[in-house]
Amino acid sequence: MKKRIAVIGAGQMGSGIAQVVAAGGYEVKLYDIASDRVTLALGEIAASLARRAARGLSSEAEAQAALQRITAVKPLAEAAEADLTIEAASEEEAVKKGDYQTIGGVPVL
């Protein structure tokens, strides 16, 4: 069974989580309120995976497969399709509550 993980927040922590989860073989939906941040995060993840492959920590094929398992989503409601949501967004309570209401009942860590 394919597990789908949503990561809310594409900052340093969120992009790192997305990379590790994707490298572990899971499909990842990555969201950030600032869509340009997701674009930057995908570039950073690609560079990090390439460095790991260059060091022999993974193969180039594994790095590319992990990157292909990460999908940028907008609007946030698309994250509701995930089996698990990991929230790594702003430390503002109102933002967190709004995110949870939008995804509606999906477990949030």
Protein backbone atom coordinates (compact mmCIF):
# COMPACT_ATOMS: atom_id res chain seq x y z
CA MET A 1 0.00 0.00 0.00
CA LYS A 2 1.36 3.39 -1.02
CA LYS A 3 1.51 5.88 1.85
CA ARG A 4 1.04 9.56 1.12
CA ILE A 5 2.56 12.10 3.47
CA ALA A 6 1.77 15.82 3.42
CA VAL A 7 4.31 18.28 4.77
CA ILE A 8 2.94 21.72 5.59
CA GLY A 9 5.72 24.28 5.58
CA ALA A 10 8.60 24.31 3.12
CA GLY A 11 11.20 26.04 5.25
CA GLN A 12 14.40 24.36 6.40
CA MET A 13 12.62 21.87 8.67
CA GLY A 14 9.75 21.11 6.29
CA SER A 15 11.97 20.62 3.26
CA GLY A 16 14.28 18.36 5.27
CA ILE A 17 11.34 16.27 6.41
CA ALA A 18 10.02 16.06 2.85
CA GLN A 19 13.43 14.89 1.60
CA VAL A 20 13.83 12.17 4.22
CA VAL A 21 10.28 10.92 3.80
CA ALA A 22 10.61 10.82 -0.01
CA ALA A 23 13.97 9.05 0.23
CA GLY A 24 12.19 6.50 2.42
CA GLY A 25 9.89 5.67 -0.48
CA TYR A 26 6.80 7.67 0.45
CA GLU A 27 4.84 10.01 -1.82
CA VAL A 28 5.09 13.55 -0.43
CA LYS A 29 2.79 16.52 -0.92
CA LEU A 30 4.68 19.70 0.01
CA TYR A 31 2.78 22.90 0.80
CA ASP A 32 3.72 26.37 1.95
CA ILE A 33 1.56 29.47 2.11
CA ALA A 34 4.30 31.18 0.05
CA SER A 35 4.36 29.17 -3.17
CA ASP A 36 7.80 30.56 -4.10
CA ARG A 37 9.13 28.93 -0.91
CA VAL A 38 8.06 25.51 -2.24
CA THR A 39 9.94 26.19 -5.48
CA LEU A 40 13.05 27.12 -3.49
CA ALA A 41 12.65 24.06 -1.27
CA LEU A 42 12.44 21.72 -4.27
CA GLY A 43 15.69 23.21 -5.60
CA GLU A 44 17.38 22.78 -2.23
CA ILE A 45 16.14 19.20 -1.94
CA ALA A 46 17.40 18.40 -5.46
CA ALA A 47 20.82 19.84 -4.61
CA SER A 48 20.98 17.92 -1.33
CA LEU A 49 20.03 14.64 -3.00
CA ALA A 50 22.63 15.26 -5.72
CA ARG A 51 25.33 15.85 -3.06
CA ARG A 52 24.38 12.59 -1.35
CA ALA A 53 24.65 10.74 -4.66
CA ALA A 54 28.02 12.38 -5.42
CA ARG A 55 29.32 11.16 -2.04
CA GLY A 56 28.14 7.64 -2.74
CA LEU A 57 25.47 7.74 -0.02
CA SER A 58 22.80 6.94 -2.60
CA SER A 59 22.69 6.32 -6.32
CA GLU A 60 21.70 8.98 -8.83
CA ALA A 61 18.64 6.88 -9.68
CA GLU A 62 17.59 6.78 -6.00
CA ALA A 63 18.06 10.55 -5.73
CA GLN A 64 15.95 11.19 -8.83
CA ALA A 65 13.26 8.76 -7.65
CA ALA A 66 13.08 10.51 -4.26
CA LEU A 67 12.77 13.92 -5.93
CA GLN A 68 10.01 12.65 -8.21
CA ARG A 69 8.03 11.47 -5.19
CA ILE A 70 7.69 15.08 -3.95
CA THR A 71 4.81 17.08 -5.37
CA ALA A 72 4.11 20.73 -4.66
CA VAL A 73 0.46 21.29 -3.78
CA LYS A 74 -1.64 24.41 -3.74
CA PRO A 75 -4.22 24.85 -2.35
CA LEU A 76 -3.66 23.32 1.06
CA ALA A 77 -6.86 21.28 0.70
CA GLU A 78 -4.91 18.93 -1.60
CA ALA A 79 -2.94 17.84 1.46
CA ALA A 80 -6.14 16.36 2.88
CA GLU A 81 -5.64 13.41 0.52
CA ALA A 82 -2.61 12.35 2.57
CA ASP A 83 -2.55 9.47 5.02
CA LEU A 84 -0.48 11.54 7.46
CA THR A 85 0.24 15.26 7.68
CA ILE A 86 3.38 16.66 9.28
CA GLU A 87 3.04 20.31 10.18
CA ALA A 88 6.25 22.34 10.08
CA ALA A 89 4.80 25.79 9.42
CA SER A 90 4.84 29.09 11.25
CA GLU A 91 4.80 29.07 15.03
CA GLU A 92 1.65 31.20 15.01
CA GLU A 93 -1.27 29.41 16.65
CA ALA A 94 -3.84 30.93 14.31
CA VAL A 95 -1.94 29.64 11.27
CA LYS A 96 -1.73 26.15 12.74
CA LYS A 97 -5.43 26.10 13.60
CA GLY A 98 -6.32 27.30 10.11
CA ASP A 99 -4.16 24.60 8.53
CA TYR A 100 -5.81 21.91 10.62
CA GLN A 101 -9.30 23.15 9.77
CA THR A 102 -8.44 23.15 6.06
CA ILE A 103 -7.19 19.58 6.01
CA GLY A 104 -10.11 18.48 8.18
CA GLY A 105 -9.37 15.67 10.54
CA VAL A 106 -6.18 14.24 9.02
CA PRO A 107 -3.76 13.37 11.85
CA VAL A 108 -1.33 16.26 12.32
CA LEU A 109 2.09 15.87 13.97
